[in-house]
Each structure stands twice: as C-alpha cells, then as structure tokens.
Amino acid sequence: MPLKKDLPSGTRSGLDVAMQVLKKVDGISFCELTSKDVVRHPLVQKIVQAYDEYEKKAKPENHSGRAKSTTRKRRENK
C-alpha cells in the first residue's frame, strides 16, 4: 500500500481502496515506486530527502512527519 499520504491516521485513501478492489482483476497490476524511481531536479531531491529524514525522527503523535496545519485554528479564532 502507498505510504506517502497526507491523511489523518487511520484514514484510507481512495488509492488504497482502489488497489484493494482491483488487485484481483485480470489485466490490472500495480507498480509501487520509491524515491529512487522518480526523477526530479536535484534541489527537489534534497527537499524530499530532508522531509524523509525528518519523518523518521518525528514524534509518534504527528504521523505525517510534517508540521500540523494551523489553518483550522485561524478559522476558529475569527
């Protein structure tokens, strides 16, 4: 299953569901790529690598490894 996604913990993505539903359909197959399979500008590669390293060190309560959005807080305070 794809691991990179910005969904709340425990939420299944549409791609996860599609892969489960279609995995036994004759003629359909899935190819899972890693960061080594994706060609990017060298600077983008460095950014992705930095986030990957950050996610490995992230606290367990922040499952995405990225800063939590403050958008909701800003909307609630208006």
N, C-alpha and C. Protein backbone atom coordinates (compact mmCIF):
# COMPACT_ATOMS: atom_id res chain seq x y z
N MET A 1 0.83 -1.19 0.00
CA MET A 1 0.00 0.00 0.00
C MET A 1 0.87 1.25 0.00
N PRO A 2 0.42 2.31 -0.62
CA PRO A 2 1.18 3.55 -0.63
C PRO A 2 1.37 4.08 0.78
N LEU A 3 2.56 4.57 1.06
CA LEU A 3 2.84 5.07 2.39
C LEU A 3 2.82 6.58 2.47
N LYS A 4 3.12 7.24 1.38
CA LYS A 4 3.17 8.70 1.40
C LYS A 4 1.79 9.27 1.16
N LYS A 5 1.21 9.84 2.20
CA LYS A 5 -0.09 10.49 2.04
C LYS A 5 -0.30 11.44 3.21
N ASP A 6 -1.02 12.47 2.95
CA ASP A 6 -1.28 13.50 3.96
C ASP A 6 -2.71 13.36 4.48
N LEU A 7 -3.04 12.19 4.98
CA LEU A 7 -4.37 11.93 5.52
C LEU A 7 -4.24 11.67 7.02
N PRO A 8 -5.29 11.94 7.76
CA PRO A 8 -5.25 11.64 9.20
C PRO A 8 -4.99 10.15 9.43
N SER A 9 -4.35 9.85 10.53
CA SER A 9 -4.06 8.47 10.88
C SER A 9 -5.34 7.63 10.88
N GLY A 10 -5.27 6.46 10.28
CA GLY A 10 -6.42 5.57 10.24
C GLY A 10 -7.35 5.80 9.06
N THR A 11 -7.12 6.84 8.29
CA THR A 11 -7.96 7.15 7.13
C THR A 11 -7.38 6.47 5.90
N ARG A 12 -8.22 5.74 5.19
CA ARG A 12 -7.77 5.07 3.96
C ARG A 12 -7.94 6.01 2.77
N SER A 13 -6.94 6.04 1.93
CA SER A 13 -7.03 6.88 0.74
C SER A 13 -7.83 6.17 -0.34
N GLY A 14 -8.29 6.93 -1.30
CA GLY A 14 -9.01 6.35 -2.43
C GLY A 14 -8.12 5.39 -3.21
N LEU A 15 -6.83 5.69 -3.27
CA LEU A 15 -5.90 4.80 -3.96
C LEU A 15 -5.78 3.47 -3.22
N ASP A 16 -5.73 3.51 -1.90
CA ASP A 16 -5.68 2.27 -1.11
C ASP A 16 -6.90 1.40 -1.42
N VAL A 17 -8.08 2.01 -1.44
CA VAL A 17 -9.32 1.27 -1.72
C VAL A 17 -9.29 0.72 -3.14
N ALA A 18 -8.89 1.55 -4.10
CA ALA A 18 -8.85 1.10 -5.49
C ALA A 18 -7.90 -0.09 -5.66
N MET A 19 -6.77 -0.04 -5.00
CA MET A 19 -5.82 -1.16 -5.10
C MET A 19 -6.41 -2.43 -4.51
N GLN A 20 -7.13 -2.31 -3.42
CA GLN A 20 -7.73 -3.49 -2.81
C GLN A 20 -8.84 -4.06 -3.70
N VAL A 21 -9.67 -3.19 -4.24
CA VAL A 21 -10.80 -3.63 -5.06
C VAL A 21 -10.31 -4.25 -6.37
N LEU A 22 -9.27 -3.67 -6.96
CA LEU A 22 -8.85 -4.07 -8.31
C LEU A 22 -7.71 -5.08 -8.36
N LYS A 23 -7.14 -5.45 -7.21
CA LYS A 23 -5.95 -6.30 -7.22
C LYS A 23 -6.17 -7.68 -7.85
N LYS A 24 -7.39 -8.18 -7.84
CA LYS A 24 -7.66 -9.50 -8.41
C LYS A 24 -8.29 -9.43 -9.80
N VAL A 25 -8.41 -8.23 -10.35
CA VAL A 25 -8.98 -8.09 -11.69
C VAL A 25 -7.91 -8.42 -12.72
N ASP A 26 -8.21 -9.41 -13.58
CA ASP A 26 -7.28 -9.84 -14.60
C ASP A 26 -6.95 -8.67 -15.53
N GLY A 27 -5.67 -8.46 -15.77
CA GLY A 27 -5.23 -7.39 -16.67
C GLY A 27 -4.85 -6.11 -15.95
N ILE A 28 -5.10 -6.04 -14.64
CA ILE A 28 -4.73 -4.85 -13.88
C ILE A 28 -3.61 -5.24 -12.92
N SER A 29 -2.58 -4.43 -12.90
CA SER A 29 -1.49 -4.64 -11.96
C SER A 29 -1.02 -3.29 -11.43
N PHE A 30 -0.29 -3.33 -10.36
CA PHE A 30 0.19 -2.11 -9.74
C PHE A 30 1.70 -2.17 -9.64
N CYS A 31 2.31 -1.04 -9.81
CA CYS A 31 3.76 -0.90 -9.69
C CYS A 31 4.01 0.17 -8.63
N GLU A 32 4.62 -0.23 -7.54
CA GLU A 32 4.91 0.73 -6.47
C GLU A 32 6.30 1.31 -6.68
N LEU A 33 6.38 2.62 -6.70
CA LEU A 33 7.64 3.32 -6.93
C LEU A 33 8.24 3.80 -5.62
N THR A 34 9.54 3.95 -5.62
CA THR A 34 10.23 4.55 -4.48
C THR A 34 10.81 5.88 -4.93
N SER A 35 11.42 6.61 -4.02
CA SER A 35 12.01 7.89 -4.38
C SER A 35 13.13 7.72 -5.42
N LYS A 36 13.73 6.53 -5.48
CA LYS A 36 14.78 6.27 -6.46
C LYS A 36 14.22 6.16 -7.88
N ASP A 37 12.92 5.91 -8.01
CA ASP A 37 12.29 5.76 -9.31
C ASP A 37 11.84 7.09 -9.91
N VAL A 38 11.80 8.12 -9.11
CA VAL A 38 11.28 9.41 -9.54
C VAL A 38 12.43 10.35 -9.86
N VAL A 39 12.41 10.90 -11.07
CA VAL A 39 13.47 11.83 -11.48
C VAL A 39 12.99 13.24 -11.18
N ARG A 40 13.80 13.93 -10.39
CA ARG A 40 13.46 15.29 -10.00
C ARG A 40 14.68 16.18 -10.15
N HIS A 41 14.42 17.48 -10.11
CA HIS A 41 15.51 18.45 -10.05
C HIS A 41 16.32 18.15 -8.79
N PRO A 42 17.64 18.29 -8.82
CA PRO A 42 18.46 17.98 -7.65
C PRO A 42 18.03 18.70 -6.37
N LEU A 43 17.57 19.93 -6.49
CA LEU A 43 17.13 20.65 -5.29
C LEU A 43 15.87 20.01 -4.71
N VAL A 44 14.95 19.59 -5.57
CA VAL A 44 13.73 18.92 -5.10
C VAL A 44 14.11 17.60 -4.44
N GLN A 45 15.07 16.88 -4.98
CA GLN A 45 15.54 15.63 -4.36
C GLN A 45 16.04 15.89 -2.94
N LYS A 46 16.78 16.98 -2.76
CA LYS A 46 17.30 17.32 -1.43
C LYS A 46 16.16 17.65 -0.47
N ILE A 47 15.14 18.34 -0.95
CA ILE A 47 13.99 18.69 -0.11
C ILE A 47 13.24 17.42 0.30
N VAL A 48 12.99 16.53 -0.65
CA VAL A 48 12.30 15.28 -0.34
C VAL A 48 13.11 14.46 0.65
N GLN A 49 14.41 14.39 0.45
CA GLN A 49 15.27 13.64 1.37
C GLN A 49 15.23 14.25 2.77
N ALA A 50 15.25 15.57 2.86
CA ALA A 50 15.19 16.24 4.16
C ALA A 50 13.89 15.91 4.88
N TYR A 51 12.76 15.90 4.17
CA TYR A 51 11.48 15.55 4.79
C TYR A 51 11.45 14.08 5.20
N ASP A 52 12.04 13.20 4.37
CA ASP A 52 12.09 11.78 4.74
C ASP A 52 12.87 11.59 6.04
N GLU A 53 13.99 12.27 6.16
CA GLU A 53 14.80 12.17 7.38
C GLU A 53 14.04 12.76 8.58
N TYR A 54 13.35 13.87 8.35
CA TYR A 54 12.56 14.49 9.42
C TYR A 54 11.46 13.54 9.89
N GLU A 55 10.77 12.89 8.94
CA GLU A 55 9.69 11.97 9.29
C GLU A 55 10.18 10.80 10.11
N LYS A 56 11.38 10.33 9.84
CA LYS A 56 11.94 9.22 10.61
C LYS A 56 12.16 9.61 12.08
N LYS A 57 12.43 10.89 12.31
CA LYS A 57 12.69 11.38 13.67
C LYS A 57 11.45 11.97 14.33
N ALA A 58 10.34 12.08 13.59
CA ALA A 58 9.14 12.76 14.07
C ALA A 58 8.56 12.06 15.30
N LYS A 59 7.88 12.84 16.10
CA LYS A 59 7.19 12.28 17.27
C LYS A 59 6.04 11.41 16.80
N PRO A 60 5.72 10.33 17.55
CA PRO A 60 4.64 9.42 17.15
C PRO A 60 3.28 10.10 16.97
N GLU A 61 2.98 11.15 17.75
CA GLU A 61 1.66 11.77 17.65
C GLU A 61 1.49 12.57 16.36
N ASN A 62 2.57 12.92 15.70
CA ASN A 62 2.49 13.64 14.43
C ASN A 62 2.84 12.65 13.32
N HIS A 63 1.87 11.82 12.90
CA HIS A 63 2.11 10.72 11.99
C HIS A 63 2.58 11.16 10.61
N SER A 64 2.20 12.35 10.16
CA SER A 64 2.59 12.76 8.82
C SER A 64 4.04 13.18 8.77
N GLY A 65 4.63 13.55 9.93
CA GLY A 65 6.00 13.99 9.95
C GLY A 65 6.17 15.44 9.55
N ARG A 66 5.10 16.06 9.15
CA ARG A 66 5.16 17.46 8.76
C ARG A 66 4.43 18.30 9.80
N ALA A 67 4.72 19.59 9.77
CA ALA A 67 4.08 20.47 10.74
C ALA A 67 2.56 20.42 10.58
N LYS A 68 1.88 20.37 11.69
CA LYS A 68 0.42 20.33 11.63
C LYS A 68 -0.10 21.70 11.19
N SER A 69 -1.15 21.68 10.43
CA SER A 69 -1.72 22.91 9.90
C SER A 69 -2.36 23.73 11.00
N THR A 70 -2.14 25.05 10.91
CA THR A 70 -2.79 25.95 11.85
C THR A 70 -3.99 26.63 11.22
N THR A 71 -4.35 26.21 10.00
CA THR A 71 -5.47 26.83 9.29
C THR A 71 -6.75 26.71 10.11
N ARG A 72 -7.02 25.53 10.65
CA ARG A 72 -8.25 25.33 11.44
C ARG A 72 -8.28 26.26 12.64
N LYS A 73 -7.16 26.40 13.32
CA LYS A 73 -7.09 27.28 14.48
C LYS A 73 -7.38 28.73 14.08
N ARG A 74 -6.80 29.14 12.94
CA ARG A 74 -7.02 30.51 12.49
C ARG A 74 -8.50 30.73 12.17
N ARG A 75 -9.15 29.76 11.55
CA ARG A 75 -10.57 29.89 11.21
C ARG A 75 -11.42 29.94 12.48
N GLU A 76 -11.07 29.13 13.46
CA GLU A 76 -11.86 29.07 14.70
C GLU A 76 -11.72 30.36 15.49
N ASN A 77 -10.58 31.03 15.35
CA ASN A 77 -10.34 32.26 16.12
C ASN A 77 -10.95 33.50 15.48
N LYS A 78 -11.47 33.36 14.29
CA LYS A 78 -12.06 34.53 13.60
C LYS A 78 -13.46 34.80 14.11
